[in-house]
N, C-alpha and C. Protein backbone atom coordinates (compact mmCIF):
# COMPACT_ATOMS: atom_id res chain seq x y z
N MET A 1 0.84 -1.19 0.00
CA MET A 1 0.00 0.00 0.00
C MET A 1 0.88 1.24 0.00
N ASP A 2 0.54 2.19 -0.85
CA ASP A 2 1.28 3.45 -0.89
C ASP A 2 1.01 4.24 0.37
N ARG A 3 2.00 4.99 0.76
CA ARG A 3 1.82 5.85 1.94
C ARG A 3 0.88 6.99 1.58
N LEU A 4 -0.03 7.26 2.48
CA LEU A 4 -1.00 8.33 2.26
C LEU A 4 -0.37 9.68 2.54
N ARG A 5 -0.87 10.69 1.88
CA ARG A 5 -0.42 12.06 2.11
C ARG A 5 -1.44 12.72 3.04
N PHE A 6 -1.12 12.78 4.32
CA PHE A 6 -2.01 13.38 5.30
C PHE A 6 -1.78 14.88 5.35
N PRO A 7 -2.84 15.66 5.57
CA PRO A 7 -2.68 17.11 5.73
C PRO A 7 -1.84 17.41 6.97
N ASP A 8 -1.08 18.49 6.90
CA ASP A 8 -0.19 18.86 8.01
C ASP A 8 -0.94 19.09 9.31
N ASP A 9 -2.11 19.73 9.24
CA ASP A 9 -2.85 20.01 10.46
C ASP A 9 -3.37 18.73 11.12
N LEU A 10 -3.67 17.73 10.32
CA LEU A 10 -4.12 16.44 10.86
C LEU A 10 -2.95 15.72 11.54
N ILE A 11 -1.79 15.77 10.94
CA ILE A 11 -0.60 15.15 11.53
C ILE A 11 -0.25 15.84 12.85
N ARG A 12 -0.28 17.18 12.86
CA ARG A 12 0.01 17.91 14.10
C ARG A 12 -0.99 17.58 15.19
N ALA A 13 -2.26 17.49 14.84
CA ALA A 13 -3.28 17.16 15.84
C ALA A 13 -3.05 15.77 16.41
N GLN A 14 -2.69 14.81 15.57
CA GLN A 14 -2.44 13.45 16.06
C GLN A 14 -1.19 13.41 16.93
N GLN A 15 -0.15 14.16 16.56
CA GLN A 15 1.05 14.22 17.39
C GLN A 15 0.75 14.86 18.74
N GLN A 16 -0.05 15.92 18.74
CA GLN A 16 -0.45 16.55 19.99
C GLN A 16 -1.29 15.60 20.83
N TRP A 17 -2.12 14.80 20.18
CA TRP A 17 -2.92 13.80 20.89
C TRP A 17 -2.01 12.81 21.61
N HIS A 18 -1.00 12.31 20.90
CA HIS A 18 -0.05 11.38 21.52
C HIS A 18 0.66 12.03 22.71
N ASP A 19 1.12 13.25 22.54
CA ASP A 19 1.81 13.97 23.63
C ASP A 19 0.90 14.16 24.84
N THR A 20 -0.33 14.55 24.59
CA THR A 20 -1.29 14.76 25.67
C THR A 20 -1.61 13.45 26.37
N TYR A 21 -1.77 12.39 25.60
CA TYR A 21 -2.07 11.08 26.19
C TYR A 21 -0.92 10.62 27.10
N ARG A 22 0.32 10.81 26.62
CA ARG A 22 1.47 10.42 27.44
C ARG A 22 1.54 11.23 28.73
N ALA A 23 1.25 12.53 28.63
CA ALA A 23 1.26 13.38 29.82
C ALA A 23 0.18 12.95 30.81
N LEU A 24 -0.96 12.56 30.30
CA LEU A 24 -2.05 12.11 31.16
C LEU A 24 -1.78 10.74 31.75
N ALA A 25 -1.01 9.92 31.05
CA ALA A 25 -0.70 8.57 31.54
C ALA A 25 0.39 8.56 32.61
N ALA A 26 1.06 9.66 32.79
CA ALA A 26 2.11 9.74 33.82
C ALA A 26 1.49 9.58 35.20
N PRO A 27 2.24 9.05 36.14
CA PRO A 27 1.70 8.93 37.50
C PRO A 27 1.38 10.31 38.09
N ARG A 28 0.19 10.45 38.60
CA ARG A 28 -0.29 11.69 39.23
C ARG A 28 0.02 12.93 38.37
N PRO A 29 -0.57 12.99 37.18
CA PRO A 29 -0.27 14.13 36.30
C PRO A 29 -0.81 15.44 36.86
N ARG A 30 -0.08 16.49 36.61
CA ARG A 30 -0.56 17.82 36.98
C ARG A 30 -1.59 18.25 35.94
N ARG A 31 -2.58 18.99 36.39
CA ARG A 31 -3.62 19.53 35.51
C ARG A 31 -4.33 18.41 34.74
N ALA A 32 -4.70 17.34 35.43
CA ALA A 32 -5.31 16.18 34.78
C ALA A 32 -6.62 16.55 34.08
N THR A 33 -7.42 17.40 34.69
CA THR A 33 -8.68 17.79 34.07
C THR A 33 -8.42 18.53 32.76
N GLU A 34 -7.47 19.44 32.78
CA GLU A 34 -7.11 20.18 31.57
C GLU A 34 -6.61 19.22 30.49
N LEU A 35 -5.80 18.25 30.87
CA LEU A 35 -5.29 17.27 29.90
C LEU A 35 -6.42 16.42 29.32
N ARG A 36 -7.35 16.00 30.15
CA ARG A 36 -8.49 15.20 29.66
C ARG A 36 -9.33 16.01 28.67
N ARG A 37 -9.56 17.27 28.99
CA ARG A 37 -10.33 18.12 28.07
C ARG A 37 -9.59 18.32 26.75
N ARG A 38 -8.29 18.52 26.84
CA ARG A 38 -7.50 18.68 25.61
C ARG A 38 -7.52 17.41 24.78
N LEU A 39 -7.41 16.27 25.44
CA LEU A 39 -7.45 14.99 24.72
C LEU A 39 -8.80 14.81 24.01
N LEU A 40 -9.86 15.17 24.68
CA LEU A 40 -11.20 15.07 24.09
C LEU A 40 -11.33 16.01 22.89
N ALA A 41 -10.86 17.24 23.02
CA ALA A 41 -10.93 18.20 21.92
C ALA A 41 -10.10 17.75 20.72
N LEU A 42 -8.91 17.24 20.99
CA LEU A 42 -8.07 16.73 19.90
C LEU A 42 -8.70 15.52 19.23
N SER A 43 -9.31 14.64 20.02
CA SER A 43 -9.98 13.47 19.46
C SER A 43 -11.09 13.88 18.52
N ALA A 44 -11.87 14.88 18.92
CA ALA A 44 -12.96 15.36 18.06
C ALA A 44 -12.40 16.00 16.79
N ARG A 45 -11.34 16.79 16.94
CA ARG A 45 -10.73 17.44 15.76
C ARG A 45 -10.23 16.40 14.76
N ILE A 46 -9.60 15.35 15.26
CA ILE A 46 -9.07 14.30 14.39
C ILE A 46 -10.22 13.51 13.76
N TYR A 47 -11.21 13.14 14.56
CA TYR A 47 -12.32 12.31 14.08
C TYR A 47 -13.12 13.02 12.98
N TRP A 48 -13.34 14.32 13.13
CA TRP A 48 -14.18 15.05 12.18
C TRP A 48 -13.38 15.78 11.10
N HIS A 49 -12.11 15.50 10.97
CA HIS A 49 -11.28 16.19 9.96
C HIS A 49 -11.80 15.86 8.56
N PRO A 50 -11.84 16.85 7.66
CA PRO A 50 -12.34 16.63 6.30
C PRO A 50 -11.56 15.58 5.50
N PHE A 51 -10.33 15.28 5.88
CA PHE A 51 -9.55 14.27 5.17
C PHE A 51 -10.27 12.93 5.11
N TRP A 52 -11.01 12.60 6.15
CA TRP A 52 -11.67 11.30 6.22
C TRP A 52 -12.83 11.17 5.24
N THR A 53 -13.23 12.26 4.56
CA THR A 53 -14.33 12.18 3.61
C THR A 53 -13.85 11.89 2.19
N ILE A 54 -12.54 12.01 1.93
CA ILE A 54 -12.04 11.69 0.59
C ILE A 54 -11.86 10.18 0.47
N PRO A 55 -11.87 9.64 -0.74
CA PRO A 55 -11.78 8.18 -0.90
C PRO A 55 -10.59 7.54 -0.18
N ALA A 56 -9.41 8.16 -0.23
CA ALA A 56 -8.24 7.56 0.42
C ALA A 56 -8.38 7.53 1.93
N GLY A 57 -9.13 8.45 2.48
CA GLY A 57 -9.28 8.53 3.92
C GLY A 57 -10.42 7.72 4.48
N ARG A 58 -11.24 7.13 3.63
CA ARG A 58 -12.42 6.40 4.10
C ARG A 58 -12.12 5.01 4.65
N THR A 59 -10.93 4.52 4.44
CA THR A 59 -10.61 3.17 4.90
C THR A 59 -10.13 3.19 6.35
N PRO A 60 -10.45 2.15 7.11
CA PRO A 60 -9.93 2.07 8.48
C PRO A 60 -8.40 2.05 8.51
N ALA A 61 -7.80 1.52 7.47
CA ALA A 61 -6.34 1.45 7.40
C ALA A 61 -5.71 2.84 7.39
N ALA A 62 -6.41 3.82 6.86
CA ALA A 62 -5.87 5.18 6.83
C ALA A 62 -5.74 5.73 8.25
N ARG A 63 -6.73 5.48 9.10
CA ARG A 63 -6.66 5.95 10.49
C ARG A 63 -5.53 5.23 11.24
N VAL A 64 -5.38 3.96 10.98
CA VAL A 64 -4.31 3.20 11.63
C VAL A 64 -2.96 3.72 11.18
N GLU A 65 -2.82 3.97 9.88
CA GLU A 65 -1.54 4.48 9.36
C GLU A 65 -1.19 5.82 9.99
N LEU A 66 -2.18 6.70 10.15
CA LEU A 66 -1.92 8.00 10.78
C LEU A 66 -1.40 7.82 12.20
N ARG A 67 -2.06 6.97 12.98
CA ARG A 67 -1.63 6.75 14.37
C ARG A 67 -0.24 6.14 14.41
N GLN A 68 0.01 5.15 13.57
CA GLN A 68 1.32 4.49 13.57
C GLN A 68 2.42 5.44 13.12
N ARG A 69 2.16 6.19 12.09
CA ARG A 69 3.19 7.09 11.56
C ARG A 69 3.53 8.18 12.58
N THR A 70 2.55 8.76 13.22
CA THR A 70 2.84 9.83 14.18
C THR A 70 3.46 9.28 15.45
N ALA A 71 3.07 8.10 15.87
CA ALA A 71 3.69 7.48 17.05
C ALA A 71 5.14 7.11 16.74
N ALA A 72 5.40 6.60 15.54
CA ALA A 72 6.76 6.22 15.15
C ALA A 72 7.64 7.46 15.06
N ASP A 73 7.10 8.57 14.54
CA ASP A 73 7.87 9.81 14.46
C ASP A 73 8.26 10.27 15.86
N ARG A 74 7.37 10.17 16.82
CA ARG A 74 7.64 10.59 18.19
C ARG A 74 8.67 9.67 18.84
N MET A 75 8.61 8.39 18.54
CA MET A 75 9.56 7.44 19.12
C MET A 75 10.97 7.73 18.60
N ARG A 76 11.10 8.09 17.31
CA ARG A 76 12.41 8.42 16.75
C ARG A 76 12.96 9.70 17.38
N VAL A 77 12.09 10.68 17.62
CA VAL A 77 12.52 11.94 18.23
C VAL A 77 13.00 11.69 19.66
N ALA A 78 12.30 10.82 20.39
CA ALA A 78 12.65 10.53 21.78
C ALA A 78 13.96 9.74 21.89
N ALA A 79 14.29 8.97 20.87
CA ALA A 79 15.49 8.12 20.93
C ALA A 79 16.77 8.89 20.72
C-alpha cells in the first residue's frame, strides 16, 4: 500500500494527541482535568477532519496508518 499524504494540520493534531495522552498517563499528572479536556478536543478534531471524507481517507487502514506514523515519528525523536 502506498503511503498516504495526510494534511499537516491532521498530523500535528495526532502528534499533539499522543503527547497529551502520554502526559495524562504519567503517574499523578498535573492539571489532569485540563489534559483530559484537551485529549477530548483533539480526538474530536481528528475524528471530524475533512480528510476522512475523501476516498483515500475512508478506509480504516488510513486511520491506523496516521496513528502508527505519528507514534513512530515521536519514538524516533525521543530516541
